[in-house]
N, C-alpha and C. Protein backbone atom coordinates (compact mmCIF):
# COMPACT_ATOMS: atom_id res chain seq x y z
N MET A 1 7.04 -18.58 4.76
CA MET A 1 5.52 -18.18 4.10
C MET A 1 5.76 -17.74 2.46
N THR A 2 4.83 -19.26 1.73
CA THR A 2 5.54 -18.53 0.45
C THR A 2 5.09 -17.49 -0.47
N THR A 3 5.44 -18.06 -1.36
CA THR A 3 5.46 -16.38 -2.24
C THR A 3 4.24 -16.17 -2.65
N GLU A 4 3.57 -17.44 -2.85
CA GLU A 4 1.88 -16.69 -2.81
C GLU A 4 1.07 -15.75 -2.01
N GLY A 5 1.73 -16.23 -0.48
CA GLY A 5 1.24 -15.88 0.58
C GLY A 5 1.96 -14.64 0.78
N HIS A 6 3.14 -14.68 0.31
CA HIS A 6 3.31 -12.97 1.12
C HIS A 6 2.78 -12.35 -0.51
N ILE A 7 2.05 -12.94 -1.46
CA ILE A 7 1.98 -11.81 -2.19
C ILE A 7 0.43 -11.34 -1.58
N ALA A 8 -0.07 -12.38 -1.51
CA ALA A 8 -1.53 -12.29 -0.84
C ALA A 8 -1.52 -11.02 0.10
N ALA A 9 -0.51 -11.10 0.94
CA ALA A 9 -0.45 -10.36 2.34
C ALA A 9 -0.38 -8.83 1.73
N LEU A 10 0.71 -8.76 1.06
CA LEU A 10 1.59 -7.69 0.25
C LEU A 10 -0.23 -7.23 -0.38
N GLU A 11 -0.91 -7.82 -1.20
CA GLU A 11 -2.25 -7.08 -1.63
C GLU A 11 -3.10 -6.23 -0.49
N ARG A 12 -3.41 -7.14 0.57
CA ARG A 12 -4.32 -7.02 1.61
C ARG A 12 -3.71 -5.61 1.68
N ARG A 13 -2.64 -5.17 2.63
CA ARG A 13 -1.51 -4.07 2.94
C ARG A 13 -1.73 -3.06 2.05
N HIS A 14 -1.85 -3.27 0.57
CA HIS A 14 -2.20 -2.51 -0.33
C HIS A 14 -3.55 -1.50 -0.59
N LYS A 15 -4.22 -2.56 -0.47
CA LYS A 15 -5.79 -2.29 -0.46
C LYS A 15 -5.83 -1.46 1.59
N GLU A 16 -5.40 -1.71 2.00
CA GLU A 16 -5.66 -0.82 2.99
C GLU A 16 -5.47 0.12 3.50
N LEU A 17 -3.67 0.46 2.67
CA LEU A 17 -3.04 1.62 2.62
C LEU A 17 -3.83 2.88 1.68
N GLU A 18 -4.45 1.96 0.96
CA GLU A 18 -6.12 2.98 -0.27
C GLU A 18 -6.99 3.63 0.37
N ARG A 19 -7.44 2.36 1.19
CA ARG A 19 -8.28 2.87 1.74
C ARG A 19 -7.98 3.69 3.12
N GLN A 20 -7.17 3.82 3.89
CA GLN A 20 -6.18 4.95 4.82
C GLN A 20 -6.07 6.43 3.71
N LEU A 21 -5.89 6.10 2.72
CA LEU A 21 -5.53 7.20 1.96
C LEU A 21 -6.98 8.33 1.65
N ASP A 22 -7.98 6.91 1.49
CA ASP A 22 -9.25 7.79 0.94
C ASP A 22 -9.71 8.49 2.12
N ASP A 23 -9.73 7.73 3.06
CA ASP A 23 -10.09 8.32 4.55
C ASP A 23 -9.49 9.92 4.69
N GLU A 24 -8.02 10.07 4.65
CA GLU A 24 -7.84 10.77 4.63
C GLU A 24 -7.65 11.97 3.45
N ASN A 25 -7.76 11.68 2.73
CA ASN A 25 -8.44 12.51 1.56
C ASN A 25 -9.46 13.27 1.86
N THR A 26 -10.97 12.82 2.37
CA THR A 26 -12.08 13.20 2.65
C THR A 26 -12.21 14.08 3.72
N ARG A 27 -11.13 13.85 4.56
CA ARG A 27 -11.39 14.16 6.54
C ARG A 27 -10.92 16.24 6.07
N LEU A 28 -11.72 17.07 6.69
CA LEU A 28 -11.91 18.44 6.68
C LEU A 28 -10.05 18.85 6.58
N ALA A 29 -9.62 18.43 7.83
CA ALA A 29 -8.40 19.20 8.13
C ALA A 29 -7.18 17.88 7.34
N GLN A 30 -6.61 18.06 6.31
CA GLN A 30 -6.44 16.81 5.63
C GLN A 30 -4.56 17.24 6.20
N ASP A 31 -3.95 15.81 6.93
CA ASP A 31 -2.34 15.73 6.96
C ASP A 31 -1.66 15.73 5.74
N SER A 32 -1.08 16.65 5.32
CA SER A 32 -0.40 16.26 3.79
C SER A 32 0.79 15.11 4.57
N MET A 33 1.63 15.57 5.67
CA MET A 33 2.78 14.41 5.65
C MET A 33 2.08 12.81 5.86
N MET A 34 0.90 12.82 6.59
CA MET A 34 0.24 11.66 6.45
C MET A 34 -0.17 11.02 4.83
N ILE A 35 -0.60 11.41 4.45
CA ILE A 35 -0.89 11.72 3.19
C ILE A 35 0.31 11.20 2.29
N ALA A 36 1.56 12.21 2.56
CA ALA A 36 2.99 11.59 1.53
C ALA A 36 3.73 10.27 2.26
N ALA A 37 2.79 10.19 3.58
CA ALA A 37 3.75 8.95 4.18
C ALA A 37 2.77 7.56 3.26
N LEU A 38 1.58 7.25 3.42
CA LEU A 38 0.76 6.61 3.28
C LEU A 38 1.21 6.20 1.74
N LYS A 39 1.24 7.45 0.65
CA LYS A 39 1.56 6.94 -0.68
C LYS A 39 2.65 6.57 -0.73
N ARG A 40 3.82 6.61 0.30
CA ARG A 40 5.31 6.21 0.10
C ARG A 40 5.12 4.98 0.41
N LYS A 41 4.63 4.66 1.47
CA LYS A 41 4.32 3.31 1.46
C LYS A 41 3.15 2.42 0.64
N LYS A 42 2.73 3.04 0.02
CA LYS A 42 2.06 2.33 -0.71
C LYS A 42 2.53 1.69 -2.30
N LEU A 43 3.56 3.26 -2.80
CA LEU A 43 4.55 2.67 -3.77
C LEU A 43 5.71 1.05 -3.19
N GLU A 44 6.04 1.44 -2.27
CA GLU A 44 7.51 0.73 -1.43
C GLU A 44 6.43 -0.88 -2.16
N ILE A 45 4.98 -0.71 -1.59
CA ILE A 45 4.63 -2.17 -1.73
C ILE A 45 4.49 -3.06 -2.86
N LYS A 46 3.92 -1.94 -3.75
CA LYS A 46 3.41 -2.00 -5.10
C LYS A 46 5.01 -2.29 -5.88
N ASP A 47 6.21 -1.37 -5.61
CA ASP A 47 7.62 -2.09 -5.95
C ASP A 47 7.37 -3.71 -5.95
N GLU A 48 7.41 -3.83 -4.49
CA GLU A 48 7.44 -5.38 -4.42
C GLU A 48 6.99 -5.96 -4.71
N LEU A 49 5.44 -6.11 -4.78
CA LEU A 49 4.75 -6.71 -5.76
C LEU A 49 5.43 -7.19 -6.85
N VAL A 50 5.66 -5.77 -7.43
CA VAL A 50 6.05 -5.94 -9.34
C VAL A 50 7.17 -7.34 -9.35
N LYS A 51 8.28 -6.99 -8.84
CA LYS A 51 9.16 -7.82 -8.03
C LYS A 51 8.82 -9.30 -8.36
N LEU A 52 7.99 -9.31 -7.02
CA LEU A 52 7.07 -10.99 -6.60
C LEU A 52 6.67 -11.48 -7.41
N GLN A 53 5.84 -10.81 -8.06
CA GLN A 53 5.39 -11.15 -9.50
C GLN A 53 6.14 -11.71 -10.20
N ALA A 54 7.25 -11.19 -10.54
CA ALA A 54 7.86 -11.15 -12.01
C ALA A 54 8.87 -12.59 -11.49
N SER A 55 9.25 -12.82 -10.64
CA SER A 55 9.68 -13.69 -10.13
C SER A 55 8.93 -14.95 -10.01
N ALA A 56 8.02 -14.87 -9.91
CA ALA A 56 6.89 -16.24 -9.47
C ALA A 56 6.18 -16.84 -10.76
């Protein structure tokens, strides 16, 4: 996969995690562990995106 393709895939995954976070936050019985895990994964992807974009 090219760097551009990898960046695009990470951006899609980041948006999907954001959607999942929004869904979880609107539930009446929020799962705080799930929210924390989603936020952590989203941050990991964001960090990787920043590194890839800086080197591209």
